[in-house]
Amino acid sequence: MDAFTTGIMQRIRNAESDLNRALETGDEFLAEVEQAELDDLHRLAAEHGVVVSRQVA
């Protein structure tokens, strides 16, 4: 796995964790921000051929 793939996967895991935390605490604004971040990261990964399975939060 190259550095880009490793980095994007770690950023996705972090954003998923942050989104789950926001949902658990009822922070709707933060949940929207984290979901947008996840969408952007998934788009970026796809543009570079990195396959990521989406987790449903």
C-alpha atoms as a PDB file:
ATOM      1  CA  MET A   1       0.000   0.000   0.000  1.00  0.00           C
ATOM      2  CA  ASP A   2       1.440   3.378  -0.973  1.00  0.00           C
ATOM      3  CA  ALA A   3       1.568   6.469   1.226  1.00  0.00           C
ATOM      4  CA  PHE A   4      -1.437   8.112  -0.450  1.00  0.00           C
ATOM      5  CA  THR A   5      -3.634   5.045   0.061  1.00  0.00           C
ATOM      6  CA  THR A   6      -2.516   4.643   3.655  1.00  0.00           C
ATOM      7  CA  GLY A   7      -3.156   8.306   4.371  1.00  0.00           C
ATOM      8  CA  ILE A   8      -6.590   8.465   2.768  1.00  0.00           C
ATOM      9  CA  MET A   9      -7.686   5.280   4.511  1.00  0.00           C
ATOM     10  CA  GLN A  10      -6.594   6.679   7.885  1.00  0.00           C
ATOM     11  CA  ARG A  11      -8.406   9.965   7.221  1.00  0.00           C
ATOM     12  CA  ILE A  12     -11.560   8.030   6.303  1.00  0.00           C
ATOM     13  CA  ARG A  13     -11.372   5.946   9.502  1.00  0.00           C
ATOM     14  CA  ASN A  14     -10.913   9.129  11.548  1.00  0.00           C
ATOM     15  CA  ALA A  15     -13.838  10.874   9.853  1.00  0.00           C
ATOM     16  CA  GLU A  16     -16.054   7.799  10.355  1.00  0.00           C
ATOM     17  CA  SER A  17     -15.151   7.734  14.032  1.00  0.00           C
ATOM     18  CA  ASP A  18     -15.822  11.460  14.397  1.00  0.00           C
ATOM     19  CA  LEU A  19     -19.158  11.105  12.569  1.00  0.00           C
ATOM     20  CA  ASN A  20     -20.234   8.249  14.837  1.00  0.00           C
ATOM     21  CA  ARG A  21     -19.268  10.265  17.910  1.00  0.00           C
ATOM     22  CA  ALA A  22     -21.249  13.272  16.655  1.00  0.00           C
ATOM     23  CA  LEU A  23     -24.292  11.096  16.001  1.00  0.00           C
ATOM     24  CA  GLU A  24     -24.044   9.467  19.430  1.00  0.00           C
ATOM     25  CA  THR A  25     -23.904  12.845  21.174  1.00  0.00           C
ATOM     26  CA  GLY A  26     -26.647  14.373  19.032  1.00  0.00           C
ATOM     27  CA  ASP A  27     -24.399  17.041  17.504  1.00  0.00           C
ATOM     28  CA  GLU A  28     -26.238  17.499  14.207  1.00  0.00           C
ATOM     29  CA  PHE A  29     -23.967  20.261  12.901  1.00  0.00           C
ATOM     30  CA  LEU A  30     -20.798  18.265  13.498  1.00  0.00           C
ATOM     31  CA  ALA A  31     -22.441  15.189  11.971  1.00  0.00           C
ATOM     32  CA  GLU A  32     -23.166  17.166   8.796  1.00  0.00           C
ATOM     33  CA  VAL A  33     -19.601  18.455   8.677  1.00  0.00           C
ATOM     34  CA  GLU A  34     -18.132  14.988   9.159  1.00  0.00           C
ATOM     35  CA  GLN A  35     -20.480  13.461   6.566  1.00  0.00           C
ATOM     36  CA  ALA A  36     -19.362  16.092   4.043  1.00  0.00           C
ATOM     37  CA  GLU A  37     -15.733  15.298   4.884  1.00  0.00           C
ATOM     38  CA  LEU A  38     -16.384  11.587   4.366  1.00  0.00           C
ATOM     39  CA  ASP A  39     -18.084  12.250   1.033  1.00  0.00           C
ATOM     40  CA  ASP A  40     -15.085  14.307  -0.101  1.00  0.00           C
ATOM     41  CA  LEU A  41     -12.605  11.663   1.036  1.00  0.00           C
ATOM     42  CA  HIS A  42     -14.511   8.904  -0.732  1.00  0.00           C
ATOM     43  CA  ARG A  43     -14.621  10.993  -3.915  1.00  0.00           C
ATOM     44  CA  LEU A  44     -10.898  11.698  -3.688  1.00  0.00           C
ATOM     45  CA  ALA A  45     -10.135   8.029  -3.102  1.00  0.00           C
ATOM     46  CA  ALA A  46     -12.257   6.992  -6.091  1.00  0.00           C
ATOM     47  CA  GLU A  47     -10.546   9.560  -8.327  1.00  0.00           C
ATOM     48  CA  HIS A  48      -7.220   7.921  -7.465  1.00  0.00           C
ATOM     49  CA  GLY A  49      -8.410   4.338  -7.835  1.00  0.00           C
ATOM     50  CA  VAL A  50      -8.538   3.561  -4.124  1.00  0.00           C
ATOM     51  CA  VAL A  51     -11.429   1.196  -3.368  1.00  0.00           C
ATOM     52  CA  VAL A  52     -13.099   1.927  -0.036  1.00  0.00           C
ATOM     53  CA  SER A  53     -16.134   0.129   1.325  1.00  0.00           C
ATOM     54  CA  ARG A  54     -18.531   2.634   2.824  1.00  0.00           C
ATOM     55  CA  GLN A  55     -19.656   2.137   6.378  1.00  0.00           C
ATOM     56  CA  VAL A  56     -23.161   3.189   7.263  1.00  0.00           C
ATOM     57  CA  ALA A  57     -23.139   5.442  10.290  1.00  0.00           C
END
